[in-house]
Amino acid sequence: MGELSTRWDAFRTRWGAHNVTRHGTGIKRFHHPVVGDLTLAWEALAMAAEPGLTLTIYSAEPGSPSEEGLHLLASWAATRDPAASSPKSPTTPPN
């Protein structure tokens, strides 16, 4: 929650106001082709101020292979070339 609060003003405002109407929790298992099996706890929070908006948070058990897998995936995202993933601006042919 702390990282979301520092990076996203709208989340920080809504979370601080406790505009959550319902929530659910559970465990989901995923298989990633590179990092393998991930077992993640999830929590879904419905935002009262934004009907239809649900924030789903996934987390891994500290020290688990799933946490290691998430760290590896996060490091890839952090080092990815932003120019490679940004949409190309359209070019117009010369007149």
PDB file of N, CA and C in Angstrom:
ATOM      1  N   MET A   1       0.821  -1.178   0.000  1.00  0.00           N
ATOM      2  CA  MET A   1       0.000   0.000   0.000  1.00  0.00           C
ATOM      3  C   MET A   1       0.871   1.251   0.000  1.00  0.00           C
ATOM      4  N   GLY A   2       1.993   1.162   0.695  1.00  0.00           N
ATOM      5  CA  GLY A   2       2.875   2.315   0.779  1.00  0.00           C
ATOM      6  C   GLY A   2       3.397   2.742  -0.573  1.00  0.00           C
ATOM      7  N   GLU A   3       3.823   1.767  -1.387  1.00  0.00           N
ATOM      8  CA  GLU A   3       4.348   2.108  -2.710  1.00  0.00           C
ATOM      9  C   GLU A   3       3.258   2.700  -3.589  1.00  0.00           C
ATOM     10  N   LEU A   4       2.060   2.118  -3.555  1.00  0.00           N
ATOM     11  CA  LEU A   4       0.948   2.680  -4.328  1.00  0.00           C
ATOM     12  C   LEU A   4       0.651   4.105  -3.872  1.00  0.00           C
ATOM     13  N   SER A   5       0.683   4.332  -2.579  1.00  0.00           N
ATOM     14  CA  SER A   5       0.373   5.658  -2.046  1.00  0.00           C
ATOM     15  C   SER A   5       1.394   6.703  -2.467  1.00  0.00           C
ATOM     16  N   THR A   6       2.654   6.307  -2.583  1.00  0.00           N
ATOM     17  CA  THR A   6       3.676   7.279  -2.966  1.00  0.00           C
ATOM     18  C   THR A   6       3.704   7.546  -4.457  1.00  0.00           C
ATOM     19  N   ARG A   7       3.181   6.629  -5.261  1.00  0.00           N
ATOM     20  CA  ARG A   7       3.271   6.776  -6.715  1.00  0.00           C
ATOM     21  C   ARG A   7       1.981   7.231  -7.389  1.00  0.00           C
ATOM     22  N   TRP A   8       0.848   7.146  -6.710  1.00  0.00           N
ATOM     23  CA  TRP A   8      -0.425   7.409  -7.369  1.00  0.00           C
ATOM     24  C   TRP A   8      -1.295   8.261  -6.458  1.00  0.00           C
ATOM     25  N   ASP A   9      -1.429   9.558  -6.797  1.00  0.00           N
ATOM     26  CA  ASP A   9      -2.180  10.498  -5.967  1.00  0.00           C
ATOM     27  C   ASP A   9      -3.626  10.069  -5.752  1.00  0.00           C
ATOM     28  N   ALA A  10      -4.291   9.596  -6.812  1.00  0.00           N
ATOM     29  CA  ALA A  10      -5.700   9.204  -6.694  1.00  0.00           C
ATOM     30  C   ALA A  10      -5.859   8.053  -5.704  1.00  0.00           C
ATOM     31  N   PHE A  11      -4.943   7.093  -5.740  1.00  0.00           N
ATOM     32  CA  PHE A  11      -5.018   5.973  -4.792  1.00  0.00           C
ATOM     33  C   PHE A  11      -4.828   6.475  -3.364  1.00  0.00           C
ATOM     34  N   ARG A  12      -3.826   7.319  -3.172  1.00  0.00           N
ATOM     35  CA  ARG A  12      -3.530   7.829  -1.829  1.00  0.00           C
ATOM     36  C   ARG A  12      -4.759   8.537  -1.250  1.00  0.00           C
ATOM     37  N   THR A  13      -5.443   9.343  -2.059  1.00  0.00           N
ATOM     38  CA  THR A  13      -6.625  10.068  -1.595  1.00  0.00           C
ATOM     39  C   THR A  13      -7.749   9.112  -1.233  1.00  0.00           C
ATOM     40  N   ARG A  14      -8.026   8.162  -2.118  1.00  0.00           N
ATOM     41  CA  ARG A  14      -9.132   7.224  -1.872  1.00  0.00           C
ATOM     42  C   ARG A  14      -8.825   6.297  -0.699  1.00  0.00           C
ATOM     43  N   TRP A  15      -7.588   5.817  -0.639  1.00  0.00           N
ATOM     44  CA  TRP A  15      -7.223   4.912   0.454  1.00  0.00           C
ATOM     45  C   TRP A  15      -7.301   5.657   1.785  1.00  0.00           C
ATOM     46  N   GLY A  16      -6.824   6.887   1.807  1.00  0.00           N
ATOM     47  CA  GLY A  16      -6.855   7.685   3.026  1.00  0.00           C
ATOM     48  C   GLY A  16      -8.268   7.982   3.504  1.00  0.00           C
ATOM     49  N   ALA A  17      -9.211   8.098   2.567  1.00  0.00           N
ATOM     50  CA  ALA A  17     -10.605   8.376   2.918  1.00  0.00           C
ATOM     51  C   ALA A  17     -11.363   7.103   3.291  1.00  0.00           C
ATOM     52  N   HIS A  18     -10.724   5.947   3.149  1.00  0.00           N
ATOM     53  CA  HIS A  18     -11.346   4.651   3.450  1.00  0.00           C
ATOM     54  C   HIS A  18     -12.608   4.417   2.626  1.00  0.00           C
ATOM     55  N   ASN A  19     -12.561   4.804   1.350  1.00  0.00           N
ATOM     56  CA  ASN A  19     -13.703   4.631   0.454  1.00  0.00           C
ATOM     57  C   ASN A  19     -13.730   3.228  -0.134  1.00  0.00           C
ATOM     58  N   VAL A  20     -13.709   2.232   0.722  1.00  0.00           N
ATOM     59  CA  VAL A  20     -13.746   0.838   0.292  1.00  0.00           C
ATOM     60  C   VAL A  20     -15.047   0.236   0.802  1.00  0.00           C
ATOM     61  N   THR A  21     -15.871  -0.308  -0.106  1.00  0.00           N
ATOM     62  CA  THR A  21     -17.171  -0.826   0.317  1.00  0.00           C
ATOM     63  C   THR A  21     -17.145  -2.310   0.618  1.00  0.00           C
ATOM     64  N   ARG A  22     -16.363  -3.085  -0.103  1.00  0.00           N
ATOM     65  CA  ARG A  22     -16.289  -4.522   0.156  1.00  0.00           C
ATOM     66  C   ARG A  22     -14.926  -5.017  -0.288  1.00  0.00           C
ATOM     67  N   HIS A  23     -14.579  -6.162   0.218  1.00  0.00           N
ATOM     68  CA  HIS A  23     -13.301  -6.739  -0.188  1.00  0.00           C
ATOM     69  C   HIS A  23     -13.400  -8.257  -0.137  1.00  0.00           C
ATOM     70  N   GLY A  24     -12.515  -8.894  -0.865  1.00  0.00           N
ATOM     71  CA  GLY A  24     -12.406 -10.341  -0.857  1.00  0.00           C
ATOM     72  C   GLY A  24     -10.936 -10.712  -0.808  1.00  0.00           C
ATOM     73  N   THR A  25     -10.653 -11.909  -0.341  1.00  0.00           N
ATOM     74  CA  THR A  25      -9.267 -12.363  -0.253  1.00  0.00           C
ATOM     75  C   THR A  25      -9.181 -13.808  -0.711  1.00  0.00           C
ATOM     76  N   GLY A  26      -7.976 -14.231  -0.996  1.00  0.00           N
ATOM     77  CA  GLY A  26      -7.776 -15.618  -1.372  1.00  0.00           C
ATOM     78  C   GLY A  26      -6.349 -15.875  -1.813  1.00  0.00           C
ATOM     79  N   ILE A  27      -6.149 -17.042  -2.368  1.00  0.00           N
ATOM     80  CA  ILE A  27      -4.849 -17.468  -2.894  1.00  0.00           C
ATOM     81  C   ILE A  27      -5.058 -17.845  -4.358  1.00  0.00           C
ATOM     82  N   LYS A  28      -4.162 -17.374  -5.222  1.00  0.00           N
ATOM     83  CA  LYS A  28      -4.204 -17.763  -6.636  1.00  0.00           C
ATOM     84  C   LYS A  28      -2.857 -18.355  -7.005  1.00  0.00           C
ATOM     85  N   ARG A  29      -2.912 -19.330  -7.868  1.00  0.00           N
ATOM     86  CA  ARG A  29      -1.692 -19.965  -8.370  1.00  0.00           C
ATOM     87  C   ARG A  29      -1.588 -19.687  -9.861  1.00  0.00           C
ATOM     88  N   PHE A  30      -0.407 -19.252 -10.267  1.00  0.00           N
ATOM     89  CA  PHE A  30      -0.130 -18.936 -11.660  1.00  0.00           C
ATOM     90  C   PHE A  30       1.080 -19.739 -12.105  1.00  0.00           C
ATOM     91  N   HIS A  31       1.190 -19.944 -13.398  1.00  0.00           N
ATOM     92  CA  HIS A  31       2.415 -20.521 -13.951  1.00  0.00           C
ATOM     93  C   HIS A  31       2.948 -19.543 -14.988  1.00  0.00           C
ATOM     94  N   HIS A  32       4.136 -19.010 -14.724  1.00  0.00           N
ATOM     95  CA  HIS A  32       4.793 -18.098 -15.655  1.00  0.00           C
ATOM     96  C   HIS A  32       5.815 -18.903 -16.442  1.00  0.00           C
ATOM     97  N   PRO A  33       5.907 -18.700 -17.758  1.00  0.00           N
ATOM     98  CA  PRO A  33       6.806 -19.518 -18.571  1.00  0.00           C
ATOM     99  C   PRO A  33       8.286 -19.381 -18.216  1.00  0.00           C
ATOM    100  N   VAL A  34       8.682 -18.304 -17.563  1.00  0.00           N
ATOM    101  CA  VAL A  34      10.097 -18.126 -17.226  1.00  0.00           C
ATOM    102  C   VAL A  34      10.366 -18.386 -15.746  1.00  0.00           C
ATOM    103  N   VAL A  35       9.575 -17.791 -14.851  1.00  0.00           N
ATOM    104  CA  VAL A  35       9.862 -17.924 -13.419  1.00  0.00           C
ATOM    105  C   VAL A  35       9.154 -19.105 -12.775  1.00  0.00           C
ATOM    106  N   GLY A  36       8.283 -19.768 -13.519  1.00  0.00           N
ATOM    107  CA  GLY A  36       7.637 -20.971 -12.994  1.00  0.00           C
ATOM    108  C   GLY A  36       6.383 -20.685 -12.199  1.00  0.00           C
ATOM    109  N   ASP A  37       6.115 -21.558 -11.235  1.00  0.00           N
ATOM    110  CA  ASP A  37       4.886 -21.463 -10.453  1.00  0.00           C
ATOM    111  C   ASP A  37       4.968 -20.330  -9.432  1.00  0.00           C
ATOM    112  N   LEU A  38       3.879 -19.579  -9.332  1.00  0.00           N
ATOM    113  CA  LEU A  38       3.757 -18.493  -8.363  1.00  0.00           C
ATOM    114  C   LEU A  38       2.492 -18.729  -7.541  1.00  0.00           C
ATOM    115  N   THR A  39       2.619 -18.676  -6.237  1.00  0.00           N
ATOM    116  CA  THR A  39       1.467 -18.751  -5.342  1.00  0.00           C
ATOM    117  C   THR A  39       1.356 -17.392  -4.676  1.00  0.00           C
ATOM    118  N   LEU A  40       0.253 -16.691  -4.960  1.00  0.00           N
ATOM    119  CA  LEU A  40       0.103 -15.317  -4.500  1.00  0.00           C
ATOM    120  C   LEU A  40      -1.188 -15.139  -3.712  1.00  0.00           C
ATOM    121  N   ALA A  41      -1.077 -14.422  -2.613  1.00  0.00           N
ATOM    122  CA  ALA A  41      -2.271 -14.004  -1.879  1.00  0.00           C
ATOM    123  C   ALA A  41      -2.839 -12.801  -2.616  1.00  0.00           C
ATOM    124  N   TRP A  42      -4.170 -12.703  -2.654  1.00  0.00           N
ATOM    125  CA  TRP A  42      -4.791 -11.553  -3.301  1.00  0.00           C
ATOM    126  C   TRP A  42      -5.840 -10.946  -2.386  1.00  0.00           C
ATOM    127  N   GLU A  43      -6.062  -9.664  -2.590  1.00  0.00           N
ATOM    128  CA  GLU A  43      -7.127  -8.951  -1.894  1.00  0.00           C
ATOM    129  C   GLU A  43      -7.748  -7.998  -2.894  1.00  0.00           C
ATOM    130  N   ALA A  44      -9.061  -8.057  -3.048  1.00  0.00           N
ATOM    131  CA  ALA A  44      -9.792  -7.175  -3.954  1.00  0.00           C
ATOM    132  C   ALA A  44     -10.586  -6.176  -3.125  1.00  0.00           C
ATOM    133  N   LEU A  45     -10.422  -4.901  -3.443  1.00  0.00           N
ATOM    134  CA  LEU A  45     -11.086  -3.830  -2.704  1.00  0.00           C
ATOM    135  C   LEU A  45     -11.966  -3.041  -3.664  1.00  0.00           C
ATOM    136  N   ALA A  46     -13.266  -3.004  -3.417  1.00  0.00           N
ATOM    137  CA  ALA A  46     -14.185  -2.199  -4.224  1.00  0.00           C
ATOM    138  C   ALA A  46     -14.147  -0.769  -3.691  1.00  0.00           C
ATOM    139  N   MET A  47     -13.959   0.186  -4.576  1.00  0.00           N
ATOM    140  CA  MET A  47     -13.831   1.581  -4.177  1.00  0.00           C
ATOM    141  C   MET A  47     -15.204   2.255  -4.197  1.00  0.00           C
ATOM    142  N   ALA A  48     -15.653   2.724  -3.044  1.00  0.00           N
ATOM    143  CA  ALA A  48     -16.982   3.334  -2.928  1.00  0.00           C
ATOM    144  C   ALA A  48     -17.108   4.599  -3.770  1.00  0.00           C
ATOM    145  N   ALA A  49     -16.039   5.369  -3.866  1.00  0.00           N
ATOM    146  CA  ALA A  49     -16.089   6.630  -4.603  1.00  0.00           C
ATOM    147  C   ALA A  49     -16.129   6.429  -6.111  1.00  0.00           C
ATOM    148  N   GLU A  50     -15.789   5.246  -6.579  1.00  0.00           N
ATOM    149  CA  GLU A  50     -15.751   4.947  -8.013  1.00  0.00           C
ATOM    150  C   GLU A  50     -16.498   3.652  -8.267  1.00  0.00           C
ATOM    151  N   PRO A  51     -17.814   3.692  -8.430  1.00  0.00           N
ATOM    152  CA  PRO A  51     -18.571   2.456  -8.666  1.00  0.00           C
ATOM    153  C   PRO A  51     -18.003   1.670  -9.849  1.00  0.00           C
ATOM    154  N   GLY A  52     -17.860   0.385  -9.647  1.00  0.00           N
ATOM    155  CA  GLY A  52     -17.320  -0.479 -10.692  1.00  0.00           C
ATOM    156  C   GLY A  52     -15.805  -0.608 -10.668  1.00  0.00           C
ATOM    157  N   LEU A  53     -15.126   0.211  -9.866  1.00  0.00           N
ATOM    158  CA  LEU A  53     -13.666   0.156  -9.788  1.00  0.00           C
ATOM    159  C   LEU A  53     -13.261  -0.761  -8.641  1.00  0.00           C
ATOM    160  N   THR A  54     -12.440  -1.761  -8.950  1.00  0.00           N
ATOM    161  CA  THR A  54     -11.925  -2.679  -7.938  1.00  0.00           C
ATOM    162  C   THR A  54     -10.408  -2.694  -8.024  1.00  0.00           C
ATOM    163  N   LEU A  55      -9.764  -2.536  -6.904  1.00  0.00           N
ATOM    164  CA  LEU A  55      -8.313  -2.614  -6.817  1.00  0.00           C
ATOM    165  C   LEU A  55      -7.963  -4.007  -6.318  1.00  0.00           C
ATOM    166  N   THR A  56      -7.196  -4.753  -7.103  1.00  0.00           N
ATOM    167  CA  THR A  56      -6.765  -6.087  -6.697  1.00  0.00           C
ATOM    168  C   THR A  56      -5.271  -6.043  -6.425  1.00  0.00           C
ATOM    169  N   ILE A  57      -4.884  -6.509  -5.251  1.00  0.00           N
ATOM    170  CA  ILE A  57      -3.494  -6.485  -4.807  1.00  0.00           C
ATOM    171  C   ILE A  57      -3.015  -7.923  -4.668  1.00  0.00           C
ATOM    172  N   TYR A  58      -1.859  -8.216  -5.249  1.00  0.00           N
ATOM    173  CA  TYR A  58      -1.258  -9.547  -5.143  1.00  0.00           C
ATOM    174  C   TYR A  58       0.038  -9.426  -4.353  1.00  0.00           C
ATOM    175  N   SER A  59       0.305 -10.412  -3.497  1.00  0.00           N
ATOM    176  CA  SER A  59       1.565 -10.426  -2.754  1.00  0.00           C
ATOM    177  C   SER A  59       2.011 -11.866  -2.538  1.00  0.00           C
ATOM    178  N   ALA A  60       3.316 -12.023  -2.413  1.00  0.00           N
ATOM    179  CA  ALA A  60       3.902 -13.348  -2.188  1.00  0.00           C
ATOM    180  C   ALA A  60       4.388 -13.450  -0.747  1.00  0.00           C
ATOM    181  N   GLU A  61       4.423 -14.660  -0.247  1.00  0.00           N
ATOM    182  CA  GLU A  61       4.957 -14.928   1.090  1.00  0.00           C
ATOM    183  C   GLU A  61       6.422 -14.491   1.126  1.00  0.00           C
ATOM    184  N   PRO A  62       6.819 -13.667   2.111  1.00  0.00           N
ATOM    185  CA  PRO A  62       8.214 -13.234   2.197  1.00  0.00           C
ATOM    186  C   PRO A  62       9.175 -14.424   2.250  1.00  0.00           C
ATOM    187  N   GLY A  63      10.226 -14.351   1.440  1.00  0.00           N
ATOM    188  CA  GLY A  63      11.246 -15.394   1.403  1.00  0.00           C
ATOM    189  C   GLY A  63      10.882 -16.616   0.579  1.00  0.00           C
ATOM    190  N   SER A  64       9.713 -16.610  -0.038  1.00  0.00           N
ATOM    191  CA  SER A  64       9.260 -17.775  -0.807  1.00  0.00           C
ATOM    192  C   SER A  64       9.792 -17.740  -2.241  1.00  0.00           C
ATOM    193  N   PRO A  65       9.772 -18.886  -2.932  1.00  0.00           N
ATOM    194  CA  PRO A  65      10.132 -18.898  -4.353  1.00  0.00           C
ATOM    195  C   PRO A  65       9.232 -17.966  -5.171  1.00  0.00           C
ATOM    196  N   SER A  66       7.983 -17.808  -4.763  1.00  0.00           N
ATOM    197  CA  SER A  66       7.081 -16.888  -5.468  1.00  0.00           C
ATOM    198  C   SER A  66       7.565 -15.448  -5.334  1.00  0.00           C
ATOM    199  N   GLU A  67       8.043 -15.077  -4.147  1.00  0.00           N
ATOM    200  CA  GLU A  67       8.573 -13.725  -3.968  1.00  0.00           C
ATOM    201  C   GLU A  67       9.805 -13.525  -4.844  1.00  0.00           C
ATOM    202  N   GLU A  68      10.672 -14.525  -4.911  1.00  0.00           N
ATOM    203  CA  GLU A  68      11.856 -14.432  -5.768  1.00  0.00           C
ATOM    204  C   GLU A  68      11.451 -14.256  -7.229  1.00  0.00           C
ATOM    205  N   GLY A  69      10.431 -15.012  -7.661  1.00  0.00           N
ATOM    206  CA  GLY A  69       9.945 -14.893  -9.033  1.00  0.00           C
ATOM    207  C   GLY A  69       9.396 -13.508  -9.327  1.00  0.00           C
ATOM    208  N   LEU A  70       8.641 -12.944  -8.386  1.00  0.00           N
ATOM    209  CA  LEU A  70       8.106 -11.592  -8.577  1.00  0.00           C
ATOM    210  C   LEU A  70       9.222 -10.561  -8.635  1.00  0.00           C
ATOM    211  N   HIS A  71      10.250 -10.724  -7.803  1.00  0.00           N
ATOM    212  CA  HIS A  71      11.389  -9.797  -7.839  1.00  0.00           C
ATOM    213  C   HIS A  71      12.090  -9.858  -9.195  1.00  0.00           C
ATOM    214  N   LEU A  72      12.238 -11.063  -9.735  1.00  0.00           N
ATOM    215  CA  LEU A  72      12.867 -11.199 -11.046  1.00  0.00           C
ATOM    216  C   LEU A  72      12.030 -10.499 -12.113  1.00  0.00           C
ATOM    217  N   LEU A  73      10.724 -10.726 -12.101  1.00  0.00           N
ATOM    218  CA  LEU A  73       9.849 -10.071 -13.075  1.00  0.00           C
ATOM    219  C   LEU A  73       9.870  -8.553 -12.907  1.00  0.00           C
ATOM    220  N   ALA A  74       9.886  -8.074 -11.672  1.00  0.00           N
ATOM    221  CA  ALA A  74       9.936  -6.631 -11.422  1.00  0.00           C
ATOM    222  C   ALA A  74      11.243  -6.032 -11.919  1.00  0.00           C
ATOM    223  N   SER A  75      12.345  -6.765 -11.776  1.00  0.00           N
ATOM    224  CA  SER A  75      13.628  -6.238 -12.247  1.00  0.00           C
ATOM    225  C   SER A  75      13.639  -6.122 -13.762  1.00  0.00           C
ATOM    226  N   TRP A  76      12.976  -7.048 -14.434  1.00  0.00           N
ATOM    227  CA  TRP A  76      12.874  -6.948 -15.897  1.00  0.00           C
ATOM    228  C   TRP A  76      12.084  -5.711 -16.284  1.00  0.00           C
ATOM    229  N   ALA A  77      10.984  -5.457 -15.590  1.00  0.00           N
ATOM    230  CA  ALA A  77      10.149  -4.300 -15.901  1.00  0.00           C
ATOM    231  C   ALA A  77      10.909  -3.004 -15.624  1.00  0.00           C
ATOM    232  N   ALA A  78      11.711  -2.984 -14.565  1.00  0.00           N
ATOM    233  CA  ALA A  78      12.444  -1.776 -14.191  1.00  0.00           C
ATOM    234  C   ALA A  78      13.577  -1.466 -15.155  1.00  0.00           C
ATOM    235  N   THR A  79      14.137  -2.480 -15.796  1.00  0.00           N
ATOM    236  CA  THR A  79      15.275  -2.257 -16.683  1.00  0.00           C
ATOM    237  C   THR A  79      14.888  -2.216 -18.150  1.00  0.00           C
ATOM    238  N   ARG A  80      13.626  -2.398 -18.440  1.00  0.00           N
ATOM    239  CA  ARG A  80      13.164  -2.400 -19.825  1.00  0.00           C
ATOM    240  C   ARG A  80      13.334  -1.018 -20.438  1.00  0.00           C
ATOM    241  N   ASP A  81      13.703  -0.973 -21.702  1.00  0.00           N
ATOM    242  CA  ASP A  81      13.899   0.278 -22.420  1.00  0.00           C
ATOM    243  C   ASP A  81      12.542   0.946 -22.636  1.00  0.00           C
ATOM    244  N   PRO A  82      12.286   2.115 -22.004  1.00  0.00           N
ATOM    245  CA  PRO A  82      10.982   2.754 -22.146  1.00  0.00           C
ATOM    246  C   PRO A  82      10.666   3.125 -23.592  1.00  0.00           C
ATOM    247  N   ALA A  83      11.671   3.435 -24.386  1.00  0.00           N
ATOM    248  CA  ALA A  83      11.429   3.795 -25.786  1.00  0.00           C
ATOM    249  C   ALA A  83      10.879   2.610 -26.565  1.00  0.00           C
ATOM    250  N   ALA A  84      11.251   1.396 -26.168  1.00  0.00           N
ATOM    251  CA  ALA A  84      10.784   0.208 -26.883  1.00  0.00           C
ATOM    252  C   ALA A  84       9.319  -0.071 -26.622  1.00  0.00           C
ATOM    253  N   SER A  85       8.803   0.367 -25.470  1.00  0.00           N
ATOM    254  CA  SER A  85       7.413   0.062 -25.139  1.00  0.00           C
ATOM    255  C   SER A  85       6.464   1.228 -25.369  1.00  0.00           C
ATOM    256  N   SER A  86       6.993   2.414 -25.679  1.00  0.00           N
ATOM    257  CA  SER A  86       6.099   3.548 -25.893  1.00  0.00           C
ATOM    258  C   SER A  86       5.541   3.512 -27.306  1.00  0.00           C
ATOM    259  N   PRO A  87       4.289   3.952 -27.447  1.00  0.00           N
ATOM    260  CA  PRO A  87       3.695   3.933 -28.783  1.00  0.00           C
ATOM    261  C   PRO A  87       4.424   4.887 -29.717  1.00  0.00           C
ATOM    262  N   LYS A  88       4.542   4.487 -30.934  1.00  0.00           N
ATOM    263  CA  LYS A  88       5.198   5.319 -31.940  1.00  0.00           C
ATOM    264  C   LYS A  88       4.232   6.412 -32.374  1.00  0.00           C
ATOM    265  N   SER A  89       4.751   7.610 -32.551  1.00  0.00           N
ATOM    266  CA  SER A  89       3.883   8.677 -33.032  1.00  0.00           C
ATOM    267  C   SER A  89       3.701   8.507 -34.537  1.00  0.00           C
ATOM    268  N   PRO A  90       2.500   8.785 -35.013  1.00  0.00           N
ATOM    269  CA  PRO A  90       2.259   8.614 -36.445  1.00  0.00           C
ATOM    270  C   PRO A  90       3.079   9.612 -37.249  1.00  0.00           C
ATOM    271  N   THR A  91       3.518   9.169 -38.367  1.00  0.00           N
ATOM    272  CA  THR A  91       4.256  10.061 -39.258  1.00  0.00           C
ATOM    273  C   THR A  91       3.383  10.361 -40.459  1.00  0.00           C
ATOM    274  N   THR A  92       3.478  11.568 -40.923  1.00  0.00           N
ATOM    275  CA  THR A  92       2.707  11.934 -42.107  1.00  0.00           C
ATOM    276  C   THR A  92       3.655  12.042 -43.282  1.00  0.00           C
ATOM    277  N   PRO A  93       3.240  11.547 -44.421  1.00  0.00           N
ATOM    278  CA  PRO A  93       4.116  11.636 -45.589  1.00  0.00           C
ATOM    279  C   PRO A  93       4.272  13.088 -46.025  1.00  0.00           C
ATOM    280  N   PRO A  94       5.426  13.421 -46.563  1.00  0.00           N
ATOM    281  CA  PRO A  94       5.629  14.802 -47.028  1.00  0.00           C
ATOM    282  C   PRO A  94       4.672  15.119 -48.178  1.00  0.00           C
ATOM    283  N   ASN A  95       4.272  16.377 -48.297  1.00  0.00           N
ATOM    284  CA  ASN A  95       3.373  16.807 -49.378  1.00  0.00           C
ATOM    285  C   ASN A  95       4.110  17.093 -50.638  1.00  0.00           C
TER     286      ASN A  95
END
